[in-house]
Amino acid sequence: MSVPVSRKAVAEQLVFDDLDTPLYDTTFVVVDLETTGTSPNSDAITEIGAVKVRGGEVLGEFATLVNPGRAIPPQIVQITGITTAMVYDAPPIDEVLPAFLEFAAGAVLVAHNARFDMGFLRAAATATAVAWPAATVVCTVKLARRVLGKDEAPSVRLGMLAQILGASTRPTHRALDDARATVDVLHALIGRVGNQGVHSLTELVDYLPDVTPRQRAKRFLAADLPALPGVYLFRGPSDEVLYIGTAVNLRRRVRTYFTGSETRGRMKEMVALAQRVDHVVCAHALEAGVRELRLLVAHTPPYNRRSKFPQRSWWLTLTAEPFPRFAVVRTPNRDALGPFNSRNDAAEIGAFVAEYTGLRTCTTRLARTGRHECPPVPVGGCPAAATESTDAQTYASAPALVRDLFSGRSDATLRTVLDRIDASARAEHFEAAARLRDRARAVVRALHRSQRLAAIARIAELVAAHPDGAGGWEFAVIRYGRLASAGVAVRGIPPMPVVEQLVAAAETVIPVGGLAAEVPVGGTSAVAARAEVETSTNNAVNGATDVEHLAAHVDQAAATARPVGRNRSETGSGRAGAVGEGRAGAVGEGGAGAAGAVGAVGAVGAVGAVGAGGAGKAGAVGEGGAGAVGAVGAGGAGGAGGAGRAGRAGRAGRAGRAGVGEPVVGDVPPLRGASPEEVAVIARWLARPGVRIVRTSEGYHEPCHGAARWLAWAERADAAAHARYAEDEYLQHSG
């Protein structure tokens, strides 16, 4: 005959044997916070409320205001009722947090939208150098979504759940009241899951994510993966690639697909089909991100969203017609702005820019001898409308403004927009000013993104380093916006020999527009060539350029040039005075320069500006100067160059003729054929704190009058625009 055992004795025996803890014997601390905003990094806690319960019995409560060390925004005061005056004499978080952690010691932490509350508490612990305990966390939002259907609970907001589940306390957006309401919601939800066989804390934690036994059984697929950064590829029954992803730790990341951490339905479906996991170990996160992009293009896996749109970038360009207009295309030309993820975004930017530059939006095709005749209308209409018809020469000022804006040669259009915003604000037309402000900041962001990516893509070779956090360095060799090589020098290893090996083994990159040349030993030096160019430039300004002498100079340099090498000249490192993309004599954007010393190399690998096999004579130039060695189009020879309106001297393989007042440049796209996604990944890596440039073929620079100088204004505009949405966002995150 069995001896009856009390419930308490059973609970003690389960804990002693390190078995599952019954829910009725688990101590929960239900916590709620009020804050100054939604970001744990930039906002602060204003109130903490917590209730400790076990077995349905309240064991204690914790409640206090917290001085956030800053003013509480008005929209937050309207929600919580907590004012700056109320927290003025309250203790700071470095005094409150240790007391709360002592109150919650050994308990399971519960919160409604736990990611929000735990994020703030962990950030506070980090800021105050307080150790954060390794406590189990239960989120009542996730539990409610798992237990309640959409019909019963259309929303899982705390107020809605408290009403549906009959909570005795109504949420008021004050910490203690909301914590008490969450206690009632937790008890009601635990009562529901008890009917489904969930009676212990371990069973509750496992129940929250819907993990099938089949999904959990495939954990062995991650067993042999290394704990290193890289790319992983899930393969299906026919060895096809199902999904591609990146990880800082391959083994740890892939394991999450077979646990409750993975909640996406499509990923569960993918895991059910997966038969094995391949991987590619990478030097660091940048290489992993670039390899992922290239593998996505190569395999187009069905479970990657990006595979549905492999060419997902859109560009805003000027059409090649006598009366140019905007067109949204996949393939950019020289006068392009982008990339954009959405065609509609590009079209909206185009409509706004056209309005303030006078570019036509009508769809009629006009011949060179035609005239633009759109009449003015009170609202809408063509921005180029005028009372009298316009010929091509008069209309040319509009596309010139667009080109100057896109290239960063002038920000006059942005200044016109800012004047309009100020005028609307002075007239107290605040809604109109706000709409104009939001459209203007979108233009500034698009311009800066395009100009920043183009600045990276124009550099022949850039070697950058980033600390790895353990005393070593991560290196990247970037050529014309592509990652050509990557590696690491761990602590104790001399870094520069590693850099030399990476450069020597780097991938050859051939950009759209040709490569820069390297002057051989015994050939024409950059200094001598530059002196020759400066002399010729002075002659050109005085109207006496000696074209034949320059041609002979180029031919001599071409005869002594060695073939383009794999790792230096062929990749466009441009060390020996490459013009346009190299160092010697490049004419800066918006600045005046003499001209380049040695032209860029085309297909034959000779020094001098060469197109597809043509010989470079003399070309036109950058802003304010005259070019000695210029660029030649495909198979043609350039004549004597005069002073152009803007541009660089001696670009590689570009068009051999120029229009009135235009530089001698061809239809080379801003990114020179590089993938926009790859250049964007590289740009984000270069913008990380601590990145250093080891060496470069030419300095990184954005246009003098580009959008970078407008970023401070754009940030203020962002803050003004987001303030109006802060209330809704706070309500959403705080539950």
Foldseek 3Di string as FASTA:
>chain_A
DDDDDDPVRVQVVCVVVVHFHFQQAAKEKEKFWQWLFQDLVPIATFKIKIWIDHNRDTPDIDIFTAQRVDFRDPLSCVQQVDGNVNRVPTHHPLVVLVVVCVVCPPHAYEYALVVRVVSNSVSSCVVNVHDDDPHHYDHLLLLCPLQDDCVQQVDSFLQRLCVSQVQPAHDRNHINSSSSSVVSSVVSSVVRCVVVVQTGPVSVVQSSFPADPLLLVPLVLLVPFFQAWWKKFFAFPVRATADIDTDRGSSVVVNCLSGSNDRDPLSVVSSNGGDHMDIDGDAGDLVRLQVRLVVCVVRLHPSDPCSVPNLQWWKWAWDPALQTAIDIDSDAWALIFDGDNDSVLSVLLRVVLCLQLLRFDDDDGAHQAGWAAWADDPDDTTSVHDPDTHHSVRSVSSVVVSSCQLQLLAPVSLVVLVVVLVVCVVVVVPVVSLVSLVSSLSNLVRSVLLLQLLLQLLFLWFWKWFDPVQQKIKIFIAGNLFTFFIHIDHHPGDVPVVVVVRLVRTAADAFQQGAFADQDVVADAQVNLVVVLLVQFVCVVVVHHDQVVLLVNQVRQQVRGDAQDGRDRRSRQQQRFEWQSFDAFKAARNHDTAATRWAGDEDRRGIAADAQPAGETWEAAADPIGTGGAHDAHRDYADGYHYAHHDTGRTHRAYRDDDVRHGGGHTQYSSRPDDSSSSVSVSVVCPDPRMDTPDTRHDRDGHPSHSVVVVVVSVVSVVVVCVVVRSVNSSVSSD
